[in-house]
Amino acid sequence: MAAVARFHLLQQTCPSFQPSAVLSKFPLASSFIFYNSGTNTNLRSGATTLLRKISTTPPLCSNSESSFSSSESSQSIVGDLLDFLNESWTQFHATAEAKRQLVAAGFHLLNENEEWQLKPGGRYFFTRNMSSLVAFAIGEKYSVGNGFHVIAAHTDSPCLKLKPKSASSKSGYLMVNVQTYGGGLWHTWFDRDLSLAGRVIVRAHDGSFSHKLVKIKRPLLRVPTLAIHLNRTVNTDGFKPNLETQLIPLLATEADNESSKTNEKISASSSKDAHHQLLMQILSDELGCKAQDIASIELNVCDTQPSCLGGAYKEFVFSGRLDNLASSFCALRALVDSCATPASLENEHAIRMVALFDNEEVGSDSYQGAGAPTIFEAMRRVIASLGQQSVGECSFARAIRHSFLVSADMAHGVHPNFVDKHEENHRPVLQKGLVIKHNANQRYATSGVTSFLFNEVAKIHNLPTQEFVVRNDMGCGSTIGPILASGIGIRTVDCGIAQLSMHSVREICGKEDIDIAYKHFKAFYEMFSSIDKKLNVDG
């Protein structure tokens, strides 16, 4: 019914890559690798003697010029991913950073509330709610009725969010009440150095309001665990905290009678205000405004530990929010780089598009989620603008039939300590390329045709891929793929980068998989038109 409703609403509204062998060549500084003279081998080979020196340098947390060699930095986007992750503490910050990168790349910002004037060869984007984004590049040879080649991902991740009334006090502590968002592994949030980030509405002196993002970078909150001396059976019975009463972060100690008048005022007002005045003062200091000028807040609890490379050979990405900012960044970067020069779109007959949605972790049914007709309304408006006239349903329908969507969301890599949780013939591993997801019950939107076409892109560029199906005796998660595929009928493949610790406060994926995903997505944009026309299914 949701798909039918969306359909009616739409009617009413107007370079060659040679991948290294898997786990065979992790880029390291040359000073940390020593080969036998005259050998030609790789890091993982046991056939020759290889002397390796384990790096003791701090983990790489950003893509500084000294982090990679010049040849490596020109090929890898991992450093840029780390910068993106460290900037994108929330869905709002991720969208704002994506916006910044698109503007820097020459994309033109559109407003959904205004008329669009588009032209072939143009590059455009718009945001919605500052938590979702759609960007597209129009081929020079596009004609009305040609398709859209889309990669869709999401900007949100499981986290804790402040309640509308967050102020509380217990046993001499100022506490911050939170609500759980999505299906997080909540025990991993205990004993972490946490802080707050999100957006606020600030009242100006002239009575107007401004929308601002805020991020408190220093550790501000903590959810302490109970000492084992007071919970002797925790290691045998399991750690099972009550999410309402035992997952409440500490903000500060309450002011005592000897505190200053300022602290006394803060403590007294905390009991009656929606949020602690101490917290509001911290926010106002960060924003450079008065506390009383903050009209509204929407804040996430965030882990302050930076995203970085890890592992003995720095072959892993350790970070929060990999699900699904890793996919979002790879898709965004692929689109930008696929049309970086004027010649990039000269022979393109389709429209290349990326769509980043919010609220996937809670079902996508929101104004800024994939359940809204955002992407299809955008497609209709693009066609109408390029057609320079009222476009009939036939033109839009033909465009949808020619379109193809890649639903990119992180995949479950096989866990070495829980191998039996995976079907024995479908166990994706890190560093072996994108995982194509299948489910006979349509929890994923992949079909035999769509998986073939997406695999064909990889085959031509010698890129590895993997396959995943869930065990018959286990439940299967889902993605925005089926939502978008059924919303109006667009061919869709579900895929993702393999990862471990999904929905933990800190996740892990393979460094090589980031570059493979980027190259696969870029190749999809650049050559899918030529591949698609070679296959006729319903002709």
Protein backbone atom coordinates (compact mmCIF):
# COMPACT_ATOMS: atom_id res chain seq x y z
CA MET A 1 0.00 0.00 0.00
CA ALA A 2 2.90 2.35 0.74
CA ALA A 3 4.20 1.82 -2.79
CA VAL A 4 0.76 2.54 -4.28
CA ALA A 5 0.41 5.67 -2.19
CA ARG A 6 3.78 6.94 -3.35
CA PHE A 7 2.88 6.24 -6.98
CA HIS A 8 -0.35 8.24 -6.73
CA LEU A 9 1.47 11.06 -5.00
CA LEU A 10 3.95 11.22 -7.85
CA GLN A 11 1.15 11.48 -10.37
CA GLN A 12 -0.32 14.39 -8.51
CA THR A 13 2.93 16.26 -8.13
CA CYS A 14 4.61 17.63 -10.70
CA PRO A 15 40.92 4.48 -15.33
CA SER A 16 41.59 1.01 -15.66
CA PHE A 17 42.00 -0.72 -12.30
CA GLN A 18 44.19 -3.71 -11.49
CA PRO A 19 43.27 -4.81 -7.95
CA SER A 20 45.85 -6.32 -5.70
CA ALA A 21 45.30 -9.88 -4.55
CA VAL A 22 43.11 -9.99 -1.51
CA LEU A 23 45.10 -9.56 1.70
CA SER A 24 48.22 -9.50 -0.43
CA LYS A 25 49.43 -5.94 -0.51
CA PHE A 26 48.42 -3.52 2.16
CA PRO A 27 50.03 -0.16 1.57
CA LEU A 28 52.61 0.64 4.19
CA ALA A 29 55.36 3.17 4.51
CA SER A 30 58.42 1.77 2.78
CA SER A 31 60.44 2.05 5.98
CA PHE A 32 58.29 -0.66 7.57
CA ILE A 33 58.69 -3.30 4.82
CA PHE A 34 61.82 -5.19 3.88
CA TYR A 35 61.98 -7.86 1.16
CA ASN A 36 64.70 -10.35 0.43
CA SER A 37 66.94 -9.11 -2.31
CA GLY A 38 65.77 -10.19 -5.71
CA THR A 39 62.38 -11.46 -4.60
CA ASN A 40 59.08 -10.39 -6.07
CA THR A 41 56.42 -11.29 -3.55
CA ASN A 42 53.72 -9.75 -1.40
CA LEU A 43 53.10 -9.23 2.28
CA ARG A 44 51.02 -12.37 2.75
CA SER A 45 53.17 -14.77 0.73
CA GLY A 46 54.79 -17.63 2.60
CA ALA A 47 56.79 -18.80 -0.39
CA THR A 48 59.64 -16.37 0.22
CA THR A 49 61.25 -14.97 3.28
CA LEU A 50 59.73 -11.65 4.19
CA LEU A 51 60.98 -9.46 6.98
CA ARG A 52 58.28 -7.18 8.29
CA LYS A 53 58.55 -4.49 10.88
CA ILE A 54 55.31 -3.77 12.70
CA SER A 55 54.44 -0.06 12.72
CA THR A 56 54.48 1.57 16.13
CA THR A 57 53.42 4.99 14.86
CA PRO A 58 50.08 6.48 15.97
CA PRO A 59 47.07 5.35 13.92
CA LEU A 60 46.36 7.38 10.82
CA CYS A 61 43.33 9.57 11.54
CA SER A 62 43.42 11.96 8.59
CA ASN A 63 44.78 12.24 5.10
CA SER A 64 47.66 14.59 5.67
CA GLU A 65 50.17 14.92 2.87
CA SER A 66 52.70 12.95 4.86
CA SER A 67 50.31 10.06 5.50
CA PHE A 68 50.59 8.43 2.09
CA SER A 69 53.17 8.33 -0.64
CA SER A 70 52.34 10.49 -3.64
CA SER A 71 51.50 7.49 -5.81
CA GLU A 72 49.30 5.94 -3.13
CA SER A 73 47.43 9.13 -2.27
CA SER A 74 46.56 9.58 -5.95
CA GLN A 75 44.89 6.16 -6.02
CA SER A 76 43.39 5.73 -2.56
CA ILE A 77 40.44 7.60 -1.06
CA VAL A 78 40.86 6.08 2.41
CA GLY A 79 42.47 9.17 3.92
CA ASP A 80 39.64 11.31 2.60
CA LEU A 81 37.13 8.84 4.04
CA LEU A 82 38.71 9.22 7.47
CA ASP A 83 38.39 12.99 7.19
CA PHE A 84 34.74 12.61 6.15
CA LEU A 85 33.98 10.28 9.06
CA ASN A 86 35.71 12.53 11.59
CA GLU A 87 33.72 15.49 10.31
CA SER A 88 30.39 13.64 10.13
CA TRP A 89 29.39 12.96 13.72
CA THR A 90 25.71 13.18 12.84
CA GLN A 91 23.49 12.87 9.77
CA PHE A 92 23.37 16.66 9.67
CA HIS A 93 27.13 17.02 9.62
CA ALA A 94 27.44 14.28 7.00
CA THR A 95 25.01 16.12 4.73
CA ALA A 96 26.72 19.46 5.33
CA GLU A 97 30.12 17.95 4.50
CA ALA A 98 28.73 16.31 1.36
CA LYS A 99 27.28 19.69 0.40
CA ARG A 100 30.65 21.37 0.90
CA GLN A 101 32.41 18.81 -1.29
CA LEU A 102 29.82 19.10 -4.05
CA VAL A 103 30.04 22.88 -4.13
CA ALA A 104 33.84 22.65 -4.24
CA ALA A 105 33.53 20.26 -7.19
CA GLY A 106 31.36 22.71 -9.13
CA PHE A 107 27.89 21.30 -8.48
CA HIS A 108 25.09 23.87 -8.40
CA LEU A 109 22.84 24.00 -5.33
CA LEU A 110 19.12 23.75 -6.11
CA ASN A 111 16.17 24.61 -3.90
CA GLU A 112 13.17 22.27 -3.86
CA ASN A 113 10.92 25.29 -3.29
CA GLU A 114 12.00 26.99 -6.52
CA GLU A 115 11.76 26.25 -10.22
CA TRP A 116 14.71 24.40 -11.70
CA GLN A 117 16.52 25.49 -14.86
CA LEU A 118 18.67 22.54 -15.92
CA LYS A 119 20.74 21.75 -18.99
CA PRO A 120 22.67 18.76 -20.40
CA GLY A 121 26.17 18.63 -19.00
CA GLY A 122 25.06 20.35 -15.80
CA ARG A 123 25.79 19.13 -12.28
CA TYR A 124 23.30 19.84 -9.51
CA PHE A 125 22.19 18.85 -6.00
CA PHE A 126 19.73 19.70 -3.25
CA THR A 127 19.36 18.86 0.42
CA ARG A 128 16.27 18.08 2.46
CA ASN A 129 16.12 18.65 6.20
CA MET A 130 19.94 18.99 6.04
CA SER A 131 20.02 15.24 6.64
CA SER A 132 19.35 13.87 3.15
CA LEU A 133 20.78 14.84 -0.22
CA VAL A 134 20.29 14.14 -3.93
CA ALA A 135 23.00 15.05 -6.46
CA PHE A 136 23.07 14.40 -10.18
CA ALA A 137 25.07 15.04 -13.36
CA ILE A 138 23.28 15.18 -16.71
CA GLY A 139 24.89 13.57 -19.74
CA GLU A 140 25.58 15.84 -22.72
CA LYS A 141 23.67 13.45 -24.97
CA TYR A 142 20.71 12.98 -22.64
CA SER A 143 17.28 12.99 -24.22
CA VAL A 144 13.93 12.78 -22.43
CA GLY A 145 13.08 9.16 -21.71
CA ASN A 146 16.64 8.04 -21.05
CA GLY A 147 17.39 6.58 -17.65
CA PHE A 148 18.92 7.51 -14.33
CA HIS A 149 21.84 5.56 -12.94
CA VAL A 150 21.57 5.92 -9.18
CA ILE A 151 23.55 4.89 -6.11
CA ALA A 152 21.55 5.27 -2.90
CA ALA A 153 22.80 5.06 0.68
CA HIS A 154 21.91 6.57 4.06
CA THR A 155 23.41 9.14 6.41
CA ASP A 156 22.04 7.94 9.76
CA SER A 157 23.48 5.37 12.17
CA PRO A 158 22.24 3.84 15.45
CA CYS A 159 22.92 6.23 18.31
CA LEU A 160 21.52 7.80 21.45
CA LYS A 161 19.49 11.00 21.07
CA LEU A 162 18.55 13.53 23.71
CA LYS A 163 14.95 13.42 24.83
CA PRO A 164 12.86 16.62 24.45
CA LYS A 165 13.21 16.99 28.20
CA SER A 166 16.65 15.63 28.99
CA ALA A 167 17.45 17.18 32.37
CA SER A 168 17.46 14.86 35.38
CA SER A 169 19.41 14.47 38.60
CA LYS A 170 20.31 11.34 40.55
CA SER A 171 22.47 10.79 43.61
CA GLY A 172 24.32 14.05 43.26
CA TYR A 173 24.87 13.82 39.49
CA LEU A 174 23.43 15.84 36.64
CA MET A 175 22.17 13.28 34.11
CA VAL A 176 21.07 13.59 30.49
CA ASN A 177 18.06 11.49 29.51
CA VAL A 178 18.34 9.84 26.10
CA GLN A 179 16.31 7.67 23.77
CA THR A 180 17.72 4.87 21.64
CA TYR A 181 17.70 5.34 17.86
CA GLY A 182 17.82 2.24 15.70
CA GLY A 183 19.08 -1.19 16.66
CA GLY A 184 22.38 -0.38 18.30
CA LEU A 185 24.64 -2.65 20.30
CA TRP A 186 23.98 -0.50 23.33
CA HIS A 187 26.39 -2.23 25.69
CA THR A 188 29.24 -0.86 23.55
CA TRP A 189 28.27 2.70 24.55
CA PHE A 190 29.21 2.11 28.17
CA ASP A 191 32.55 3.49 29.42
CA ARG A 192 33.13 5.51 26.25
CA ASP A 193 34.22 9.15 26.07
CA LEU A 194 31.03 10.64 24.68
CA SER A 195 29.89 14.08 23.63
CA LEU A 196 27.06 15.83 21.79
CA ALA A 197 26.54 17.01 18.23
CA GLY A 198 23.58 17.94 16.07
CA ARG A 199 21.67 21.06 15.18
CA VAL A 200 20.07 23.99 16.95
CA ILE A 201 17.69 26.79 16.07
CA VAL A 202 19.02 30.14 17.26
CA ARG A 203 16.91 33.26 17.70
CA ALA A 204 18.47 36.41 16.25
CA HIS A 205 18.09 39.95 17.62
CA ASP A 206 15.71 40.92 14.81
CA GLY A 207 13.35 38.07 15.64
CA SER A 208 14.46 35.79 12.80
CA PHE A 209 15.83 32.28 13.32
CA SER A 210 18.93 30.55 12.02
CA HIS A 211 19.72 26.85 11.59
CA LYS A 212 23.17 25.97 12.93
CA LEU A 213 25.17 22.78 13.40
CA VAL A 214 27.04 22.21 16.62
CA LYS A 215 29.67 19.71 17.73
CA ILE A 216 31.23 19.56 21.21
CA LYS A 217 34.55 17.88 20.40
CA ARG A 218 35.75 17.31 23.96
CA PRO A 219 34.52 14.38 26.06
CA LEU A 220 31.39 15.63 27.82
CA LEU A 221 29.32 12.58 28.79
CA ARG A 222 29.88 9.05 30.01
CA VAL A 223 27.73 6.02 30.77
CA PRO A 224 29.66 4.10 33.46
CA THR A 225 29.30 0.37 33.95
CA LEU A 226 28.62 -1.15 37.34
CA ALA A 227 31.73 -2.57 39.03
CA ILE A 228 31.98 -6.35 38.90
CA HIS A 229 32.12 -6.40 42.71
CA LEU A 230 28.49 -5.22 42.66
CA ASN A 231 27.45 -7.50 39.80
CA ARG A 232 29.32 -10.78 40.30
CA THR A 233 27.42 -12.77 37.68
CA VAL A 234 27.76 -10.32 34.78
CA ASN A 235 30.30 -12.48 32.94
CA THR A 236 28.18 -15.62 33.23
CA ASP A 237 24.67 -14.24 32.98
CA GLY A 238 25.51 -11.52 30.45
CA PHE A 239 25.37 -7.75 30.54
CA LYS A 240 21.71 -6.81 30.12
CA PRO A 241 21.20 -3.16 31.05
CA ASN A 242 17.75 -1.62 31.29
CA LEU A 243 17.78 0.88 28.45
CA GLU A 244 15.43 3.30 30.22
CA THR A 245 17.01 3.42 33.66
CA GLN A 246 20.63 2.29 33.23
CA LEU A 247 21.66 3.90 29.93
CA ILE A 248 21.68 7.49 31.18
CA PRO A 249 24.88 9.50 30.60
CA LEU A 250 26.49 11.54 33.36
CA LEU A 251 27.03 15.24 32.60
CA ALA A 252 28.42 16.65 35.87
CA THR A 253 28.21 16.55 39.63
CA GLU A 254 25.54 18.69 41.21
CA ALA A 255 26.72 21.97 42.71
CA ASP A 256 27.10 21.88 46.52
CA ASN A 257 26.35 24.62 49.01
CA GLU A 258 29.83 26.09 48.69
CA SER A 259 29.55 26.53 44.92
CA SER A 260 29.52 29.91 43.31
CA LYS A 261 26.29 31.77 42.75
CA THR A 262 26.53 30.90 39.05
CA ASN A 263 26.68 27.19 39.77
CA GLU A 264 23.86 27.48 42.29
CA LYS A 265 21.70 29.15 39.66
CA ILE A 266 22.53 26.44 37.15
CA SER A 267 21.73 23.64 39.59
CA ALA A 268 18.48 25.22 40.74
CA SER A 269 17.20 25.86 37.26
CA SER A 270 18.18 22.37 36.07
CA SER A 271 15.31 20.81 37.96
CA LYS A 272 12.68 22.82 36.11
CA ASP A 273 14.15 23.36 32.63
CA ALA A 274 13.83 20.92 29.74
CA HIS A 275 17.63 20.76 29.55
CA HIS A 276 20.27 21.50 32.13
CA GLN A 277 21.31 25.15 32.06
CA LEU A 278 24.89 23.93 32.30
CA LEU A 279 24.42 22.05 29.05
CA MET A 280 22.75 25.03 27.41
CA GLN A 281 25.65 27.24 28.49
CA ILE A 282 28.15 24.81 26.95
CA LEU A 283 26.17 24.85 23.70
CA SER A 284 25.93 28.64 23.67
CA ASP A 285 29.67 28.97 24.25
CA GLU A 286 30.30 26.68 21.29
CA LEU A 287 27.86 28.59 19.08
CA GLY A 288 28.87 32.05 20.20
CA CYS A 289 25.38 33.08 21.27
CA LYS A 290 23.42 33.54 24.47
CA ALA A 291 21.88 30.47 26.09
CA GLN A 292 18.45 32.09 26.07
CA ASP A 293 18.69 32.56 22.29
CA ILE A 294 18.77 28.80 21.68
CA ALA A 295 15.17 28.09 20.68
CA SER A 296 15.43 24.38 19.86
CA ILE A 297 17.98 21.58 19.92
CA GLU A 298 18.22 18.20 18.17
CA LEU A 299 21.32 16.42 19.44
CA ASN A 300 22.93 13.00 19.13
CA VAL A 301 25.24 11.44 21.65
CA CYS A 302 28.51 10.75 19.82
CA ASP A 303 31.73 8.89 20.50
CA THR A 304 34.71 11.23 20.50
CA GLN A 305 37.38 8.74 19.45
CA PRO A 306 38.57 9.65 15.94
CA SER A 307 38.21 7.32 12.99
CA CYS A 308 41.58 5.81 12.12
CA LEU A 309 43.47 2.99 10.45
CA GLY A 310 44.25 -0.04 12.59
CA GLY A 311 45.65 -3.53 12.51
CA ALA A 312 49.28 -4.64 12.33
CA TYR A 313 49.54 -3.46 8.73
CA LYS A 314 47.03 -0.61 9.02
CA GLU A 315 44.72 -2.63 6.82
CA PHE A 316 41.52 -1.90 8.74
CA VAL A 317 39.34 1.16 9.21
CA PHE A 318 38.29 1.56 12.85
CA SER A 319 35.41 3.99 13.20
CA GLY A 320 31.92 4.68 14.34
CA ARG A 321 29.16 5.14 11.75
CA LEU A 322 30.78 3.08 9.00
CA ASP A 323 27.22 1.84 8.52
CA ASN A 324 26.52 3.69 6.38
CA LEU A 325 28.80 6.68 5.92
CA ALA A 326 31.42 4.51 4.23
CA SER A 327 28.96 3.70 1.44
CA SER A 328 27.74 7.30 1.31
CA PHE A 329 31.23 8.67 0.88
CA CYS A 330 32.27 6.12 -1.77
CA ALA A 331 29.11 6.87 -3.77
CA LEU A 332 29.51 10.63 -3.46
CA ARG A 333 33.19 10.56 -4.41
CA ALA A 334 32.47 8.25 -7.36
CA LEU A 335 29.87 10.65 -8.73
CA VAL A 336 32.11 13.68 -8.33
CA ASP A 337 35.13 12.00 -9.93
CA SER A 338 33.08 10.46 -12.76
CA CYS A 339 32.25 13.95 -14.04
CA ALA A 340 35.30 15.89 -12.91
CA THR A 341 36.24 17.18 -16.36
CA PRO A 342 34.14 18.77 -19.13
CA ALA A 343 34.78 15.72 -21.31
CA SER A 344 33.46 13.31 -18.66
CA LEU A 345 29.83 13.72 -19.73
CA GLU A 346 30.34 14.25 -23.47
CA ASN A 347 29.16 10.80 -24.51
CA GLU A 348 26.79 10.11 -21.62
CA HIS A 349 23.16 9.47 -22.57
CA ALA A 350 21.91 8.97 -19.00
CA ILE A 351 21.82 10.95 -15.76
CA ARG A 352 24.20 9.95 -12.98
CA MET A 353 22.72 10.37 -9.52
CA VAL A 354 23.51 9.77 -5.86
CA ALA A 355 20.83 9.82 -3.16
CA LEU A 356 21.67 9.88 0.54
CA PHE A 357 18.69 9.39 2.85
CA ASP A 358 18.06 9.75 6.57
CA ASN A 359 16.15 7.42 8.92
CA GLU A 360 17.04 4.11 7.26
CA GLU A 361 17.85 2.64 10.65
CA VAL A 362 14.24 3.16 11.79
CA GLY A 363 12.33 2.18 8.66
CA SER A 364 12.76 5.15 6.27
CA ASP A 365 9.18 6.36 6.69
CA SER A 366 9.85 10.06 7.07
CA TYR A 367 10.04 13.32 5.14
CA GLN A 368 13.78 12.87 4.74
CA GLY A 369 13.78 9.07 4.43
CA ALA A 370 13.77 6.76 1.42
CA GLY A 371 10.09 6.07 2.04
CA ALA A 372 9.25 9.59 0.87
CA PRO A 373 9.01 10.11 -2.92
CA THR A 374 12.01 12.47 -2.87
CA ILE A 375 14.10 10.75 -5.50
CA PHE A 376 11.21 10.13 -7.89
CA GLU A 377 9.93 13.68 -7.57
CA ALA A 378 13.46 14.83 -8.40
CA MET A 379 13.54 12.58 -11.46
CA ARG A 380 10.22 13.95 -12.68
CA ARG A 381 11.39 17.53 -12.20
CA VAL A 382 14.65 16.85 -14.04
CA ILE A 383 12.77 15.39 -17.00
CA ALA A 384 10.29 18.27 -17.04
CA SER A 385 13.05 20.87 -16.96
CA LEU A 386 15.09 19.24 -19.69
CA GLY A 387 11.98 18.67 -21.82
CA GLN A 388 11.23 22.40 -21.74
CA GLN A 389 7.55 21.49 -21.66
CA SER A 390 4.99 19.50 -19.74
CA VAL A 391 6.24 15.94 -19.70
CA GLY A 392 3.63 13.22 -19.97
CA GLU A 393 3.53 10.09 -17.88
CA CYS A 394 4.87 8.12 -20.82
CA SER A 395 8.17 10.03 -20.81
CA PHE A 396 8.65 9.57 -17.09
CA ALA A 397 7.66 5.89 -17.23
CA ARG A 398 10.16 5.24 -20.03
CA ALA A 399 12.88 6.95 -18.01
CA ILE A 400 12.15 4.76 -14.98
CA ARG A 401 12.19 1.61 -17.12
CA HIS A 402 15.64 2.60 -18.42
CA SER A 403 16.92 3.40 -14.92
CA PHE A 404 19.01 1.32 -12.53
CA LEU A 405 19.58 1.76 -8.81
CA VAL A 406 22.42 0.48 -6.62
CA SER A 407 21.33 0.25 -2.99
CA ALA A 408 24.62 0.53 -1.10
CA ASP A 409 24.57 -0.49 2.56
CA MET A 410 27.19 -2.23 4.65
CA ALA A 411 27.28 -6.04 4.63
CA HIS A 412 27.91 -8.66 7.31
CA GLY A 413 31.46 -9.97 7.02
CA VAL A 414 32.05 -13.42 8.47
CA HIS A 415 33.15 -13.17 12.10
CA PRO A 416 36.15 -15.44 12.87
CA ASN A 417 34.75 -16.21 16.32
CA PHE A 418 31.19 -16.88 15.09
CA VAL A 419 31.67 -18.52 11.68
CA ASP A 420 28.52 -20.63 12.06
CA LYS A 421 26.35 -17.50 11.95
CA HIS A 422 26.89 -17.40 8.17
CA GLU A 423 25.64 -19.79 5.50
CA GLU A 424 28.66 -21.94 4.69
CA ASN A 425 28.91 -21.00 1.00
CA HIS A 426 28.20 -17.30 1.46
CA ARG A 427 30.71 -15.93 3.92
CA PRO A 428 31.93 -12.49 2.84
CA VAL A 429 35.35 -11.52 4.13
CA LEU A 430 37.07 -8.19 4.45
CA GLN A 431 39.35 -7.00 1.65
CA LYS A 432 37.61 -9.02 -1.10
CA GLY A 433 35.34 -6.46 -2.68
CA LEU A 434 31.69 -5.46 -2.63
CA VAL A 435 29.15 -7.98 -1.36
CA ILE A 436 26.05 -8.50 -3.52
CA LYS A 437 23.11 -9.37 -1.26
CA HIS A 438 20.41 -11.87 -2.20
CA ASN A 439 17.18 -12.86 -0.46
CA ALA A 440 14.43 -14.98 -1.99
CA ASN A 441 11.86 -13.24 0.21
CA GLN A 442 12.83 -9.83 -1.20
CA ARG A 443 14.37 -8.42 1.93
CA TYR A 444 16.99 -7.35 -0.60
CA ALA A 445 15.95 -6.13 -4.05
CA THR A 446 18.63 -7.99 -6.02
CA SER A 447 17.49 -10.17 -8.92
CA GLY A 448 19.39 -12.45 -11.27
CA VAL A 449 19.38 -9.71 -13.89
CA THR A 450 20.46 -6.84 -11.66
CA SER A 451 23.23 -8.87 -10.01
CA PHE A 452 24.50 -9.90 -13.46
CA LEU A 453 24.63 -6.32 -14.72
CA PHE A 454 26.39 -5.01 -11.63
CA ASN A 455 28.82 -7.93 -11.67
CA GLU A 456 29.52 -7.27 -15.34
CA VAL A 457 30.81 -3.80 -14.42
CA ALA A 458 33.19 -5.41 -11.94
CA LYS A 459 34.25 -8.12 -14.38
CA ILE A 460 35.25 -5.65 -17.06
CA HIS A 461 37.38 -3.71 -14.56
CA ASN A 462 38.79 -6.84 -12.89
CA LEU A 463 37.19 -5.94 -9.56
CA PRO A 464 36.37 -8.68 -7.02
CA THR A 465 32.82 -9.22 -5.74
CA GLN A 466 31.23 -11.55 -3.19
CA GLU A 467 27.76 -12.99 -2.62
CA PHE A 468 25.68 -13.13 0.55
CA VAL A 469 22.49 -14.87 1.60
CA VAL A 470 21.31 -15.29 5.17
CA ARG A 471 20.87 -18.73 6.71
CA ASN A 472 17.36 -20.18 6.46
CA ASP A 473 17.17 -20.48 10.25
CA MET A 474 17.97 -16.81 10.85
CA GLY A 475 16.13 -13.59 10.18
CA CYS A 476 17.27 -11.24 7.45
CA GLY A 477 17.69 -7.50 7.72
CA SER A 478 16.69 -5.16 4.92
CA THR A 479 17.77 -1.95 3.22
CA ILE A 480 16.31 0.97 1.30
CA GLY A 481 16.62 -1.19 -1.83
CA PRO A 482 13.18 -2.86 -1.65
CA ILE A 483 11.57 0.46 -0.63
CA LEU A 484 12.90 2.27 -3.68
CA ALA A 485 12.45 -0.67 -6.05
CA SER A 486 8.80 -1.08 -5.13
CA GLY A 487 8.10 2.63 -4.80
CA ILE A 488 7.69 3.05 -8.54
CA GLY A 489 9.41 0.08 -10.14
CA ILE A 490 13.12 0.66 -10.72
CA ARG A 491 15.61 -2.15 -11.29
CA THR A 492 17.71 -2.49 -8.15
CA VAL A 493 20.71 -4.38 -6.82
CA ASP A 494 21.60 -4.48 -3.12
CA CYS A 495 25.29 -4.46 -2.26
CA GLY A 496 27.64 -3.37 0.49
CA ILE A 497 31.13 -3.28 1.94
CA ALA A 498 31.80 -6.18 4.32
CA GLN A 499 32.28 -5.14 7.93
CA LEU A 500 32.47 -6.47 11.47
CA SER A 501 30.90 -5.06 14.66
CA MET A 502 27.91 -3.66 12.75
CA HIS A 503 25.88 -1.22 14.89
CA SER A 504 28.57 -1.06 17.57
CA VAL A 505 29.81 2.33 18.73
CA ARG A 506 33.06 1.35 16.93
CA GLU A 507 32.95 -0.71 13.74
CA ILE A 508 35.58 -2.18 11.45
CA CYS A 509 35.94 -2.67 7.71
CA GLY A 510 38.77 -3.39 5.28
CA LYS A 511 40.88 -0.55 3.95
CA GLU A 512 41.13 -2.16 0.51
CA ASP A 513 37.36 -2.56 0.29
CA ILE A 514 36.90 1.21 0.46
CA ASP A 515 38.97 1.74 -2.67
CA ILE A 516 37.37 -1.25 -4.43
CA ALA A 517 33.88 0.09 -3.69
CA TYR A 518 34.82 3.54 -4.96
CA LYS A 519 36.24 2.12 -8.20
CA HIS A 520 33.22 -0.16 -8.68
CA PHE A 521 30.80 2.75 -8.19
CA LYS A 522 32.80 5.03 -10.47
CA ALA A 523 32.92 2.35 -13.16
CA PHE A 524 29.16 1.91 -12.79
CA TYR A 525 28.60 5.58 -13.53
CA GLU A 526 31.01 5.66 -16.43
CA MET A 527 30.04 2.53 -18.32
CA PHE A 528 26.66 1.18 -17.25
CA SER A 529 24.95 2.75 -20.27
CA SER A 530 27.06 0.68 -22.65
CA ILE A 531 26.52 -2.55 -20.68
CA ASP A 532 22.79 -2.15 -20.19
CA LYS A 533 22.00 -1.82 -23.88
CA LYS A 534 23.53 -5.24 -24.57
CA LEU A 535 20.84 -7.06 -22.55
CA ASN A 536 17.17 -7.23 -23.52
CA VAL A 537 14.93 -8.97 -20.99
CA ASP A 538 11.38 -7.90 -21.89
CA GLY A 539 11.80 -6.91 -25.52
